[in-house]
Amino acid sequence: MKSLLLSSLLLGSLFFAQQVPTQPSVERSVTGVQIGFLGASVYNESRLSEAIALRSSALLNAAFWFGDSVNSGFILAPALSLEPKYYYNLERRVKKGKSIKNNSGNFISLDFNYTPNWFVISSEDHLEILPSIGVIPSYGLRRSFAQNFNYEFKVGFGYGFLLNSPFEANSGTMANLSFKVGYDF
């Protein structure tokens, strides 16, 4: 009789525990790859709190220049980034019946990036880049679709510094405008 009562209480508590609404939260960890017109990245977003995730990325940034047939080209350079992201509308998305899978939501972030002079891939020989750091406050949105695919749009303006620059002016404003499509593992 005691075991029947204990079993009933256990099953009842499990049933009620499943019924208790939980606070919407970012995923514990989301790892993936993204590609866009101006580069590609491998990233991980790790949960710091219910609404804050820390994104760490290894990027390959692209730049293009256009002129006549002799003065056109491209360059690809590596970069590293740490970006705390505050997803501010998770609860509202859940209330509207929208998915927050893989951190689907609107966010504001502060992107800390470092571009070293490790290597470049370019259409021109002997090109180098100057190492730099940047801090860019940004606004963006991230959405998941088709199981594990995602797209992310981000825009921001910040400030950057050239390291070991031979130029007198070694700092200035930076812009970040990106649209990337990716896959979460």
C-alpha atoms as a PDB file:
ATOM      1  CA  MET A   1       0.000   0.000   0.000  1.00  0.00           C
ATOM      2  CA  LYS A   2       2.835   2.405   0.899  1.00  0.00           C
ATOM      3  CA  SER A   3       4.633   1.625  -2.375  1.00  0.00           C
ATOM      4  CA  LEU A   4       1.427   2.293  -4.341  1.00  0.00           C
ATOM      5  CA  LEU A   5       0.979   5.637  -2.580  1.00  0.00           C
ATOM      6  CA  LEU A   6       4.635   6.524  -3.109  1.00  0.00           C
ATOM      7  CA  SER A   7       4.435   5.587  -6.798  1.00  0.00           C
ATOM      8  CA  SER A   8       1.290   7.709  -7.228  1.00  0.00           C
ATOM      9  CA  LEU A   9       2.958  10.702  -5.586  1.00  0.00           C
ATOM     10  CA  LEU A  10       6.046  10.289  -7.756  1.00  0.00           C
ATOM     11  CA  LEU A  11       4.025  10.055 -10.982  1.00  0.00           C
ATOM     12  CA  GLY A  12       1.861  12.986  -9.912  1.00  0.00           C
ATOM     13  CA  SER A  13       4.878  15.153  -9.159  1.00  0.00           C
ATOM     14  CA  LEU A  14       6.402  14.286 -12.543  1.00  0.00           C
ATOM     15  CA  PHE A  15       3.129  15.239 -14.259  1.00  0.00           C
ATOM     16  CA  PHE A  16       2.910  18.583 -12.452  1.00  0.00           C
ATOM     17  CA  ALA A  17       6.614  19.302 -12.977  1.00  0.00           C
ATOM     18  CA  GLN A  18       6.044  19.051 -16.717  1.00  0.00           C
ATOM     19  CA  GLN A  19       3.096  21.452 -16.475  1.00  0.00           C
ATOM     20  CA  VAL A  20       5.034  24.248 -14.754  1.00  0.00           C
ATOM     21  CA  PRO A  21       5.876  26.924 -17.336  1.00  0.00           C
ATOM     22  CA  THR A  22       9.572  27.671 -17.640  1.00  0.00           C
ATOM     23  CA  GLN A  23      11.214  30.966 -18.438  1.00  0.00           C
ATOM     24  CA  PRO A  24      12.170  31.141 -22.146  1.00  0.00           C
ATOM     25  CA  SER A  25      15.931  30.867 -22.435  1.00  0.00           C
ATOM     26  CA  VAL A  26      18.696  30.852 -24.990  1.00  0.00           C
ATOM     27  CA  GLU A  27      20.145  27.440 -25.793  1.00  0.00           C
ATOM     28  CA  ARG A  28      22.915  26.089 -23.560  1.00  0.00           C
ATOM     29  CA  SER A  29      25.251  25.857 -26.575  1.00  0.00           C
ATOM     30  CA  VAL A  30      24.771  26.355 -30.315  1.00  0.00           C
ATOM     31  CA  THR A  31      27.649  25.557 -32.673  1.00  0.00           C
ATOM     32  CA  GLY A  32      27.542  26.135 -36.407  1.00  0.00           C
ATOM     33  CA  VAL A  33      28.907  27.649 -39.578  1.00  0.00           C
ATOM     34  CA  GLN A  34      27.645  30.670 -41.505  1.00  0.00           C
ATOM     35  CA  ILE A  35      28.469  32.125 -44.888  1.00  0.00           C
ATOM     36  CA  GLY A  36      27.617  35.504 -46.348  1.00  0.00           C
ATOM     37  CA  PHE A  37      28.661  37.811 -49.156  1.00  0.00           C
ATOM     38  CA  LEU A  38      31.519  39.267 -47.101  1.00  0.00           C
ATOM     39  CA  GLY A  39      32.877  36.194 -45.367  1.00  0.00           C
ATOM     40  CA  ALA A  40      32.320  32.965 -43.485  1.00  0.00           C
ATOM     41  CA  SER A  41      32.526  31.945 -39.839  1.00  0.00           C
ATOM     42  CA  VAL A  42      32.588  29.012 -37.456  1.00  0.00           C
ATOM     43  CA  TYR A  43      30.940  29.938 -34.138  1.00  0.00           C
ATOM     44  CA  ASN A  44      29.642  28.836 -30.788  1.00  0.00           C
ATOM     45  CA  GLU A  45      27.002  30.631 -28.718  1.00  0.00           C
ATOM     46  CA  SER A  46      27.122  29.649 -25.037  1.00  0.00           C
ATOM     47  CA  ARG A  47      24.426  30.606 -22.534  1.00  0.00           C
ATOM     48  CA  LEU A  48      25.467  33.019 -19.788  1.00  0.00           C
ATOM     49  CA  SER A  49      21.915  33.642 -18.501  1.00  0.00           C
ATOM     50  CA  GLU A  50      18.335  33.147 -19.728  1.00  0.00           C
ATOM     51  CA  ALA A  51      18.641  36.005 -22.244  1.00  0.00           C
ATOM     52  CA  ILE A  52      22.402  36.435 -22.727  1.00  0.00           C
ATOM     53  CA  ALA A  53      24.692  34.281 -24.859  1.00  0.00           C
ATOM     54  CA  LEU A  54      28.400  34.690 -25.564  1.00  0.00           C
ATOM     55  CA  ARG A  55      29.265  34.125 -29.207  1.00  0.00           C
ATOM     56  CA  SER A  56      32.863  33.228 -30.031  1.00  0.00           C
ATOM     57  CA  SER A  57      33.779  33.090 -33.713  1.00  0.00           C
ATOM     58  CA  ALA A  58      36.649  32.360 -36.043  1.00  0.00           C
ATOM     59  CA  LEU A  59      35.993  34.285 -39.246  1.00  0.00           C
ATOM     60  CA  LEU A  60      37.339  34.659 -42.737  1.00  0.00           C
ATOM     61  CA  ASN A  61      36.416  38.224 -43.731  1.00  0.00           C
ATOM     62  CA  ALA A  62      36.251  39.336 -47.349  1.00  0.00           C
ATOM     63  CA  ALA A  63      36.812  42.668 -49.052  1.00  0.00           C
ATOM     64  CA  PHE A  64      36.453  43.631 -52.709  1.00  0.00           C
ATOM     65  CA  TRP A  65      37.582  46.634 -54.660  1.00  0.00           C
ATOM     66  CA  PHE A  66      36.516  47.647 -58.131  1.00  0.00           C
ATOM     67  CA  GLY A  67      38.125  49.804 -60.734  1.00  0.00           C
ATOM     68  CA  ASP A  68      39.298  49.170 -64.253  1.00  0.00           C
ATOM     69  CA  SER A  69      40.388  45.643 -65.182  1.00  0.00           C
ATOM     70  CA  VAL A  70      43.818  46.171 -63.612  1.00  0.00           C
ATOM     71  CA  ASN A  71      42.623  47.748 -60.330  1.00  0.00           C
ATOM     72  CA  SER A  72      39.976  45.232 -59.229  1.00  0.00           C
ATOM     73  CA  GLY A  73      40.433  42.453 -56.736  1.00  0.00           C
ATOM     74  CA  PHE A  74      39.553  40.707 -53.509  1.00  0.00           C
ATOM     75  CA  ILE A  75      41.143  39.778 -50.207  1.00  0.00           C
ATOM     76  CA  LEU A  76      40.229  37.211 -47.524  1.00  0.00           C
ATOM     77  CA  ALA A  77      41.700  37.616 -44.022  1.00  0.00           C
ATOM     78  CA  PRO A  78      41.146  35.743 -40.741  1.00  0.00           C
ATOM     79  CA  ALA A  79      39.618  37.347 -37.648  1.00  0.00           C
ATOM     80  CA  LEU A  80      38.547  36.333 -34.144  1.00  0.00           C
ATOM     81  CA  SER A  81      35.500  37.679 -32.339  1.00  0.00           C
ATOM     82  CA  LEU A  82      33.854  37.601 -28.898  1.00  0.00           C
ATOM     83  CA  GLU A  83      30.324  38.961 -28.788  1.00  0.00           C
ATOM     84  CA  PRO A  84      27.951  39.022 -25.824  1.00  0.00           C
ATOM     85  CA  LYS A  85      24.379  38.998 -27.225  1.00  0.00           C
ATOM     86  CA  TYR A  86      21.263  40.016 -25.308  1.00  0.00           C
ATOM     87  CA  TYR A  87      18.158  38.347 -26.797  1.00  0.00           C
ATOM     88  CA  TYR A  88      15.445  40.728 -25.624  1.00  0.00           C
ATOM     89  CA  ASN A  89      12.280  39.248 -27.162  1.00  0.00           C
ATOM     90  CA  LEU A  90      12.342  35.523 -26.311  1.00  0.00           C
ATOM     91  CA  GLU A  91       9.332  35.637 -23.990  1.00  0.00           C
ATOM     92  CA  ARG A  92       7.254  37.595 -26.509  1.00  0.00           C
ATOM     93  CA  ARG A  93       8.140  35.114 -29.273  1.00  0.00           C
ATOM     94  CA  VAL A  94       7.060  32.173 -27.100  1.00  0.00           C
ATOM     95  CA  LYS A  95       3.763  33.912 -26.189  1.00  0.00           C
ATOM     96  CA  LYS A  96       3.054  34.419 -29.907  1.00  0.00           C
ATOM     97  CA  GLY A  97       3.788  30.738 -30.584  1.00  0.00           C
ATOM     98  CA  LYS A  98       7.006  31.458 -32.490  1.00  0.00           C
ATOM     99  CA  SER A  99      10.107  29.314 -32.188  1.00  0.00           C
ATOM    100  CA  ILE A 100      13.175  30.289 -30.171  1.00  0.00           C
ATOM    101  CA  LYS A 101      15.054  27.164 -31.298  1.00  0.00           C
ATOM    102  CA  ASN A 102      18.811  27.710 -31.771  1.00  0.00           C
ATOM    103  CA  ASN A 103      18.485  31.231 -30.329  1.00  0.00           C
ATOM    104  CA  SER A 104      15.914  32.560 -32.794  1.00  0.00           C
ATOM    105  CA  GLY A 105      15.185  36.106 -31.714  1.00  0.00           C
ATOM    106  CA  ASN A 106      16.159  39.756 -31.883  1.00  0.00           C
ATOM    107  CA  PHE A 107      19.323  40.838 -30.095  1.00  0.00           C
ATOM    108  CA  ILE A 108      21.635  43.675 -29.243  1.00  0.00           C
ATOM    109  CA  SER A 109      25.310  42.887 -28.932  1.00  0.00           C
ATOM    110  CA  LEU A 110      28.778  44.266 -28.375  1.00  0.00           C
ATOM    111  CA  ASP A 111      31.220  42.723 -30.858  1.00  0.00           C
ATOM    112  CA  PHE A 112      34.900  42.673 -29.815  1.00  0.00           C
ATOM    113  CA  ASN A 113      36.969  41.616 -32.822  1.00  0.00           C
ATOM    114  CA  TYR A 114      40.647  41.116 -33.579  1.00  0.00           C
ATOM    115  CA  THR A 115      42.071  40.897 -37.091  1.00  0.00           C
ATOM    116  CA  PRO A 116      45.658  39.604 -37.043  1.00  0.00           C
ATOM    117  CA  ASN A 117      48.103  39.551 -39.944  1.00  0.00           C
ATOM    118  CA  TRP A 118      48.396  35.748 -40.000  1.00  0.00           C
ATOM    119  CA  PHE A 119      47.751  35.213 -43.699  1.00  0.00           C
ATOM    120  CA  VAL A 120      45.749  36.645 -46.568  1.00  0.00           C
ATOM    121  CA  ILE A 121      44.195  35.097 -49.637  1.00  0.00           C
ATOM    122  CA  SER A 122      44.081  37.656 -52.398  1.00  0.00           C
ATOM    123  CA  SER A 123      43.962  38.243 -56.117  1.00  0.00           C
ATOM    124  CA  GLU A 124      47.079  40.407 -55.704  1.00  0.00           C
ATOM    125  CA  ASP A 125      50.537  39.199 -54.729  1.00  0.00           C
ATOM    126  CA  HIS A 126      52.298  40.380 -51.564  1.00  0.00           C
ATOM    127  CA  LEU A 127      49.295  42.036 -49.923  1.00  0.00           C
ATOM    128  CA  GLU A 128      49.271  42.322 -46.153  1.00  0.00           C
ATOM    129  CA  ILE A 129      46.779  43.739 -43.727  1.00  0.00           C
ATOM    130  CA  LEU A 130      47.458  45.792 -40.628  1.00  0.00           C
ATOM    131  CA  PRO A 131      46.398  44.036 -37.407  1.00  0.00           C
ATOM    132  CA  SER A 132      43.430  45.747 -35.786  1.00  0.00           C
ATOM    133  CA  ILE A 133      40.934  45.532 -32.954  1.00  0.00           C
ATOM    134  CA  GLY A 134      37.390  46.834 -32.977  1.00  0.00           C
ATOM    135  CA  VAL A 135      34.404  47.291 -30.697  1.00  0.00           C
ATOM    136  CA  ILE A 136      31.041  47.495 -32.455  1.00  0.00           C
ATOM    137  CA  PRO A 137      27.642  47.789 -30.716  1.00  0.00           C
ATOM    138  CA  SER A 138      25.115  46.081 -33.009  1.00  0.00           C
ATOM    139  CA  TYR A 139      21.451  45.255 -33.490  1.00  0.00           C
ATOM    140  CA  GLY A 140      20.438  42.025 -35.168  1.00  0.00           C
ATOM    141  CA  LEU A 141      18.011  39.216 -35.637  1.00  0.00           C
ATOM    142  CA  ARG A 142      18.529  35.501 -35.926  1.00  0.00           C
ATOM    143  CA  ARG A 143      16.008  32.963 -37.199  1.00  0.00           C
ATOM    144  CA  SER A 144      16.031  29.193 -37.629  1.00  0.00           C
ATOM    145  CA  PHE A 145      14.361  27.424 -40.536  1.00  0.00           C
ATOM    146  CA  ALA A 146      14.257  23.954 -42.103  1.00  0.00           C
ATOM    147  CA  GLN A 147      15.394  22.030 -39.019  1.00  0.00           C
ATOM    148  CA  ASN A 148      18.992  23.211 -38.407  1.00  0.00           C
ATOM    149  CA  PHE A 149      19.481  26.070 -40.874  1.00  0.00           C
ATOM    150  CA  ASN A 150      19.538  29.726 -39.827  1.00  0.00           C
ATOM    151  CA  TYR A 151      19.923  33.233 -41.132  1.00  0.00           C
ATOM    152  CA  GLU A 152      21.248  36.225 -39.267  1.00  0.00           C
ATOM    153  CA  PHE A 153      21.157  39.934 -40.060  1.00  0.00           C
ATOM    154  CA  LYS A 154      23.265  42.417 -38.102  1.00  0.00           C
ATOM    155  CA  VAL A 155      24.023  46.138 -38.355  1.00  0.00           C
ATOM    156  CA  GLY A 156      26.226  48.265 -36.124  1.00  0.00           C
ATOM    157  CA  PHE A 157      28.679  51.134 -35.845  1.00  0.00           C
ATOM    158  CA  GLY A 158      31.691  51.256 -33.554  1.00  0.00           C
ATOM    159  CA  TYR A 159      35.325  52.149 -33.212  1.00  0.00           C
ATOM    160  CA  GLY A 160      38.520  50.427 -34.318  1.00  0.00           C
ATOM    161  CA  PHE A 161      42.266  50.714 -33.783  1.00  0.00           C
ATOM    162  CA  LEU A 162      45.156  49.703 -36.039  1.00  0.00           C
ATOM    163  CA  LEU A 163      47.934  47.997 -34.097  1.00  0.00           C
ATOM    164  CA  ASN A 164      51.559  48.873 -34.904  1.00  0.00           C
ATOM    165  CA  SER A 165      50.394  51.300 -37.557  1.00  0.00           C
ATOM    166  CA  PRO A 166      52.942  53.318 -39.535  1.00  0.00           C
ATOM    167  CA  PHE A 167      50.223  55.905 -40.148  1.00  0.00           C
ATOM    168  CA  GLU A 168      49.539  58.923 -37.985  1.00  0.00           C
ATOM    169  CA  ALA A 169      45.780  58.277 -37.986  1.00  0.00           C
ATOM    170  CA  ASN A 170      45.485  54.802 -36.504  1.00  0.00           C
ATOM    171  CA  SER A 171      41.877  54.734 -35.248  1.00  0.00           C
ATOM    172  CA  GLY A 172      38.421  55.535 -36.535  1.00  0.00           C
ATOM    173  CA  THR A 173      34.828  54.473 -36.918  1.00  0.00           C
ATOM    174  CA  MET A 174      33.899  51.013 -38.151  1.00  0.00           C
ATOM    175  CA  ALA A 175      30.649  49.722 -39.609  1.00  0.00           C
ATOM    176  CA  ASN A 176      29.257  46.204 -39.519  1.00  0.00           C
ATOM    177  CA  LEU A 177      26.549  45.180 -41.958  1.00  0.00           C
ATOM    178  CA  SER A 178      26.110  41.459 -42.475  1.00  0.00           C
ATOM    179  CA  PHE A 179      23.596  38.921 -43.695  1.00  0.00           C
ATOM    180  CA  LYS A 180      24.635  35.302 -43.317  1.00  0.00           C
ATOM    181  CA  VAL A 181      22.997  31.926 -43.825  1.00  0.00           C
ATOM    182  CA  GLY A 182      24.226  28.976 -41.822  1.00  0.00           C
ATOM    183  CA  TYR A 183      23.838  25.523 -40.354  1.00  0.00           C
ATOM    184  CA  ASP A 184      23.732  24.570 -36.657  1.00  0.00           C
ATOM    185  CA  PHE A 185      25.223  21.208 -35.678  1.00  0.00           C
END
